[in-house]
Amino acid sequence: MNKLLTLILSSALLIGCSTLKKIDTTGFHSDHITIFYEKDSVATLSSIEYSIDNGKYVKELTFKLIDMKHADKVQNLLYYIHQRHKGWEIEIDYPITNFKINN
């Protein structure tokens, strides 16, 4: 669980602190709601949100990673989605694996 949390926080910091430069999206393609990397399914569209935030209309697409196999390509995945959906906020949800609630 600590590795997953570290990966999520690291990705958020890396993505949040860097500007979008030319990031390699070679190998990514999609069919409506599923995004693939080469032949592997990587993420699926899990929700679409519309909201008003500080008086501004906001549109958000949330994709859920199918598994952690290509978690190292999340920044590339975000850029791939951003190229196709300009003006939308993009969110990637990581799957929670090996999670246990201690009572």
C-alpha atoms as a PDB file:
ATOM      1  CA  MET A   1       0.000   0.000   0.000  1.00  0.00           C
ATOM      2  CA  ASN A   2       2.882   2.367   0.773  1.00  0.00           C
ATOM      3  CA  LYS A   3       4.321   1.795  -2.717  1.00  0.00           C
ATOM      4  CA  LEU A   4       0.954   2.634  -4.305  1.00  0.00           C
ATOM      5  CA  LEU A   5       0.557   5.791  -2.223  1.00  0.00           C
ATOM      6  CA  THR A   6       4.114   6.856  -3.049  1.00  0.00           C
ATOM      7  CA  LEU A   7       3.503   6.255  -6.765  1.00  0.00           C
ATOM      8  CA  ILE A   8       0.281   8.280  -6.697  1.00  0.00           C
ATOM      9  CA  LEU A   9       1.848  11.188  -4.826  1.00  0.00           C
ATOM     10  CA  SER A  10       4.950  11.142  -7.018  1.00  0.00           C
ATOM     11  CA  SER A  11       2.828  11.163 -10.174  1.00  0.00           C
ATOM     12  CA  ALA A  12       0.718  14.032  -8.868  1.00  0.00           C
ATOM     13  CA  LEU A  13       3.781  16.087  -7.968  1.00  0.00           C
ATOM     14  CA  LEU A  14       5.536  15.320 -11.239  1.00  0.00           C
ATOM     15  CA  ILE A  15       2.491  16.171 -13.305  1.00  0.00           C
ATOM     16  CA  GLY A  16       1.439  19.137 -11.173  1.00  0.00           C
ATOM     17  CA  CYS A  17       4.872  20.727 -11.142  1.00  0.00           C
ATOM     18  CA  SER A  18       5.762  20.297 -14.777  1.00  0.00           C
ATOM     19  CA  THR A  19       4.397  22.039 -17.810  1.00  0.00           C
ATOM     20  CA  LEU A  20       3.131  19.924 -20.655  1.00  0.00           C
ATOM     21  CA  LYS A  21       5.931  19.666 -23.144  1.00  0.00           C
ATOM     22  CA  LYS A  22       6.081  17.306 -26.086  1.00  0.00           C
ATOM     23  CA  ILE A  23       5.565  13.960 -24.409  1.00  0.00           C
ATOM     24  CA  ASP A  24       5.793  10.753 -26.421  1.00  0.00           C
ATOM     25  CA  THR A  25       2.360   9.237 -26.983  1.00  0.00           C
ATOM     26  CA  THR A  26       3.537   6.625 -29.488  1.00  0.00           C
ATOM     27  CA  GLY A  27       1.681   3.353 -29.002  1.00  0.00           C
ATOM     28  CA  PHE A  28      -1.473   4.869 -27.476  1.00  0.00           C
ATOM     29  CA  HIS A  29      -4.810   4.564 -29.282  1.00  0.00           C
ATOM     30  CA  SER A  30      -8.454   4.415 -28.234  1.00  0.00           C
ATOM     31  CA  ASP A  31     -11.903   3.174 -29.101  1.00  0.00           C
ATOM     32  CA  HIS A  32     -14.525   5.442 -27.574  1.00  0.00           C
ATOM     33  CA  ILE A  33     -14.064   4.723 -23.843  1.00  0.00           C
ATOM     34  CA  THR A  34     -11.009   2.441 -23.662  1.00  0.00           C
ATOM     35  CA  ILE A  35      -7.422   3.554 -24.156  1.00  0.00           C
ATOM     36  CA  PHE A  36      -4.799   1.071 -25.268  1.00  0.00           C
ATOM     37  CA  TYR A  37      -1.025   1.057 -25.168  1.00  0.00           C
ATOM     38  CA  GLU A  38       0.060  -1.105 -28.067  1.00  0.00           C
ATOM     39  CA  LYS A  39      -2.201  -4.179 -27.633  1.00  0.00           C
ATOM     40  CA  ASP A  40      -2.910  -3.777 -23.896  1.00  0.00           C
ATOM     41  CA  SER A  41      -5.997  -2.080 -22.452  1.00  0.00           C
ATOM     42  CA  VAL A  42      -4.629   0.612 -20.157  1.00  0.00           C
ATOM     43  CA  ALA A  43      -7.554   2.729 -18.966  1.00  0.00           C
ATOM     44  CA  THR A  44     -11.295   3.130 -19.324  1.00  0.00           C
ATOM     45  CA  LEU A  45     -13.467   6.205 -19.042  1.00  0.00           C
ATOM     46  CA  SER A  46     -15.181   5.918 -15.677  1.00  0.00           C
ATOM     47  CA  SER A  47     -16.960   9.264 -15.316  1.00  0.00           C
ATOM     48  CA  ILE A  48     -17.710  12.607 -16.908  1.00  0.00           C
ATOM     49  CA  GLU A  49     -18.287  15.561 -14.596  1.00  0.00           C
ATOM     50  CA  TYR A  50     -19.559  19.064 -15.192  1.00  0.00           C
ATOM     51  CA  SER A  51     -19.325  21.659 -12.443  1.00  0.00           C
ATOM     52  CA  ILE A  52     -19.058  25.329 -11.585  1.00  0.00           C
ATOM     53  CA  ASP A  53     -15.814  26.061  -9.725  1.00  0.00           C
ATOM     54  CA  ASN A  54     -15.239  29.650  -8.547  1.00  0.00           C
ATOM     55  CA  GLY A  55     -17.758  30.840 -11.132  1.00  0.00           C
ATOM     56  CA  LYS A  56     -16.042  28.936 -13.951  1.00  0.00           C
ATOM     57  CA  TYR A  57     -17.670  26.104 -15.917  1.00  0.00           C
ATOM     58  CA  VAL A  58     -15.475  22.998 -15.593  1.00  0.00           C
ATOM     59  CA  LYS A  59     -15.597  19.760 -17.604  1.00  0.00           C
ATOM     60  CA  GLU A  60     -13.710  16.729 -16.325  1.00  0.00           C
ATOM     61  CA  LEU A  61     -13.021  13.261 -17.712  1.00  0.00           C
ATOM     62  CA  THR A  62     -11.959  10.563 -15.257  1.00  0.00           C
ATOM     63  CA  PHE A  63     -10.205   7.455 -16.494  1.00  0.00           C
ATOM     64  CA  LYS A  64      -9.440   4.423 -14.359  1.00  0.00           C
ATOM     65  CA  LEU A  65      -6.242   2.460 -14.898  1.00  0.00           C
ATOM     66  CA  ILE A  66      -7.154  -1.148 -15.528  1.00  0.00           C
ATOM     67  CA  ASP A  67      -4.086  -2.413 -13.684  1.00  0.00           C
ATOM     68  CA  MET A  68      -0.628  -1.193 -12.724  1.00  0.00           C
ATOM     69  CA  LYS A  69       1.157  -2.826 -15.691  1.00  0.00           C
ATOM     70  CA  HIS A  70       1.678   0.512 -17.470  1.00  0.00           C
ATOM     71  CA  ALA A  71       1.579   2.823 -14.429  1.00  0.00           C
ATOM     72  CA  ASP A  72       4.977   4.189 -15.455  1.00  0.00           C
ATOM     73  CA  LYS A  73       3.302   5.720 -18.546  1.00  0.00           C
ATOM     74  CA  VAL A  74       0.642   7.763 -16.724  1.00  0.00           C
ATOM     75  CA  GLN A  75       2.140  11.110 -17.750  1.00  0.00           C
ATOM     76  CA  ASN A  76       2.167   9.954 -21.387  1.00  0.00           C
ATOM     77  CA  LEU A  77      -1.423   8.732 -21.002  1.00  0.00           C
ATOM     78  CA  LEU A  78      -2.529  12.091 -19.586  1.00  0.00           C
ATOM     79  CA  TYR A  79      -0.909  13.917 -22.494  1.00  0.00           C
ATOM     80  CA  TYR A  80      -2.515  11.543 -25.011  1.00  0.00           C
ATOM     81  CA  ILE A  81      -5.967  12.248 -23.529  1.00  0.00           C
ATOM     82  CA  HIS A  82      -5.256  15.985 -23.285  1.00  0.00           C
ATOM     83  CA  GLN A  83      -4.380  16.135 -26.997  1.00  0.00           C
ATOM     84  CA  ARG A  84      -7.806  14.740 -27.868  1.00  0.00           C
ATOM     85  CA  HIS A  85      -9.890  16.599 -25.266  1.00  0.00           C
ATOM     86  CA  LYS A  86      -8.520  20.130 -24.999  1.00  0.00           C
ATOM     87  CA  GLY A  87     -10.434  22.265 -22.543  1.00  0.00           C
ATOM     88  CA  TRP A  88     -11.250  19.292 -20.314  1.00  0.00           C
ATOM     89  CA  GLU A  89      -9.653  18.534 -16.968  1.00  0.00           C
ATOM     90  CA  ILE A  90      -8.278  14.996 -16.989  1.00  0.00           C
ATOM     91  CA  GLU A  91      -8.021  12.718 -13.964  1.00  0.00           C
ATOM     92  CA  ILE A  92      -6.514   9.238 -13.738  1.00  0.00           C
ATOM     93  CA  ASP A  93      -7.643   6.904 -10.934  1.00  0.00           C
ATOM     94  CA  TYR A  94      -5.219   4.205  -9.840  1.00  0.00           C
ATOM     95  CA  PRO A  95      -6.644   0.808  -8.885  1.00  0.00           C
ATOM     96  CA  ILE A  96      -6.318  -0.028  -5.226  1.00  0.00           C
ATOM     97  CA  THR A  97      -4.647  -3.416  -4.929  1.00  0.00           C
ATOM     98  CA  ASN A  98      -3.817  -5.438  -1.850  1.00  0.00           C
ATOM     99  CA  PHE A  99      -5.772  -2.996   0.287  1.00  0.00           C
ATOM    100  CA  LYS A 100      -6.907  -4.203   3.689  1.00  0.00           C
ATOM    101  CA  ILE A 101      -8.887  -2.329   6.275  1.00  0.00           C
ATOM    102  CA  ASN A 102      -7.539  -2.928   9.785  1.00  0.00           C
ATOM    103  CA  ASN A 103     -10.240  -2.769  12.464  1.00  0.00           C
END
